[in-house]
Protein backbone atom coordinates (compact mmCIF):
# COMPACT_ATOMS: atom_id res chain seq x y z
CA MET A 1 -27.53 171.10 156.35
CA ASP A 2 -27.98 170.74 152.59
CA ALA A 3 -26.02 167.46 152.54
CA LEU A 4 -28.15 166.10 155.38
CA PHE A 5 -31.33 167.06 153.51
CA SER A 6 -30.04 165.34 150.35
CA LEU A 7 -29.21 162.20 152.31
CA SER A 8 -32.64 162.09 153.92
CA THR A 9 -34.25 162.61 150.50
CA PHE A 10 -32.27 159.69 149.08
CA ILE A 11 -33.09 157.43 152.02
CA SER A 12 -36.79 158.25 151.78
CA LEU A 13 -36.81 157.13 148.13
CA VAL A 14 -35.24 153.71 148.80
CA ALA A 15 -38.41 151.96 150.00
CA PRO A 16 -40.69 153.19 147.15
CA VAL A 17 -38.05 152.19 144.57
CA PHE A 18 -37.77 148.75 146.15
CA ILE A 19 -41.56 148.29 146.23
CA PHE A 20 -41.87 149.46 142.62
CA ALA A 21 -39.14 147.02 141.52
CA ILE A 22 -40.90 144.11 143.26
CA CYS A 23 -44.23 145.06 141.67
CA LEU A 24 -42.62 145.27 138.22
CA TYR A 25 -41.02 141.86 138.74
CA TYR A 26 -44.42 140.46 139.70
CA LEU A 27 -45.99 142.07 136.61
CA ILE A 28 -43.34 140.56 134.35
CA ARG A 29 -43.78 137.11 135.89
CA THR A 30 -47.61 137.16 135.85
CA SER A 31 -49.63 139.37 133.55
CA LYS A 32 -52.66 139.65 135.80
CA THR A 33 -54.83 142.62 136.71
CA ASP A 34 -53.62 142.72 140.30
CA ALA A 35 -49.99 142.90 139.14
CA LEU A 36 -50.83 145.78 136.82
CA LEU A 37 -52.67 147.68 139.55
CA LEU A 38 -49.84 147.12 142.03
CA SER A 39 -47.26 148.33 139.50
CA VAL A 40 -49.23 151.41 138.48
CA GLY A 41 -50.05 152.31 142.07
CA SER A 42 -46.49 151.92 143.28
CA GLY A 43 -45.19 153.81 140.24
CA ILE A 44 -47.48 156.74 140.98
CA ALA A 45 -46.44 156.64 144.64
CA LEU A 46 -42.75 156.65 143.63
CA VAL A 47 -43.18 159.61 141.29
CA MET A 48 -45.12 161.55 143.91
CA MET A 49 -42.54 160.75 146.59
CA ALA A 50 -39.86 162.16 144.30
CA PHE A 51 -42.08 165.19 143.65
CA PHE A 52 -42.56 165.86 147.36
CA SER A 53 -38.84 165.36 148.00
CA LEU A 54 -37.73 167.71 145.23
CA MET A 55 -40.43 170.34 145.66
CA PRO A 56 -38.51 172.34 148.33
CA TYR A 57 -35.60 172.76 145.90
CA TYR A 58 -37.96 173.96 143.18
CA MET A 59 -39.74 176.34 145.55
CA GLN A 60 -36.46 177.91 146.52
CA SER A 61 -35.05 178.23 143.00
CA ALA A 62 -38.26 179.52 141.40
CA ALA A 63 -39.22 181.82 144.30
CA LEU A 64 -42.83 180.64 144.28
CA ASP A 65 -45.48 182.28 146.41
CA SER A 66 -47.33 180.31 149.07
CA ALA A 67 -50.58 180.04 147.08
CA THR A 68 -48.81 178.37 144.16
CA VAL A 69 -46.92 176.01 146.44
CA SER A 70 -50.13 175.12 148.24
CA LEU A 71 -51.80 174.38 144.90
CA TYR A 72 -48.92 172.13 143.81
CA TYR A 73 -48.99 170.22 147.08
CA SER A 74 -52.78 169.83 146.92
CA ILE A 75 -52.69 168.46 143.39
CA GLY A 76 -49.77 166.20 144.31
CA GLY A 77 -51.62 164.92 147.36
CA PHE A 78 -54.69 164.08 145.28
CA ILE A 79 -52.61 162.23 142.68
CA ASN A 80 -50.84 160.38 145.50
CA LEU A 81 -54.22 159.40 146.96
CA ILE A 82 -55.31 157.96 143.60
CA GLY A 83 -52.05 156.00 143.34
CA ASN A 84 -52.48 154.62 146.85
CA ILE A 85 -56.06 153.57 146.12
CA VAL A 86 -54.96 151.79 142.94
CA PHE A 87 -52.21 150.00 144.90
CA ILE A 88 -54.64 148.97 147.66
CA VAL A 89 -57.15 147.58 145.15
CA GLY A 90 -54.38 145.54 143.52
CA LEU A 91 -53.16 144.28 146.89
CA PHE A 92 -56.72 143.33 147.88
CA MET A 93 -57.17 141.42 144.61
CA LEU A 94 -53.86 139.60 145.17
CA VAL A 95 -54.75 138.63 148.74
CA ASN A 96 -58.20 137.41 147.67
CA ARG A 97 -56.70 135.27 144.92
CA MET A 98 -54.05 133.81 147.24
CA VAL A 99 -56.57 133.03 150.01
CA ALA A 100 -58.96 131.42 147.53
CA ALA A 101 -56.15 129.29 146.06
CA HIS A 102 -55.07 128.00 149.49
CA LYS A 103 -58.50 127.57 151.06
CA PRO A 104 -58.67 124.37 153.12
CA VAL A 105 -61.39 121.90 152.18
CA LEU A 106 -63.51 120.71 155.11
């Protein structure tokens, strides 16, 4: 069961790593605000995904009580929310810029 859990943890981290890599590539190619927001937001999401994936191991090894675990998950959820909001703002800015650049003239 432990090997299956490790495999599922690895698979769940593939998409956030891929998204973070694409956002970093976009940031390197264009130093715009939307690229920075996308990179920061996806980086926070990647770190929090790793946190949520590794937290069960830490809970088991440190023998944490349920109140402490609940506090960690609440703080992690709030940080994840902030990262998602930053990513969404960057995505919205990117879409607005792309739509404005390709707006047909009537």
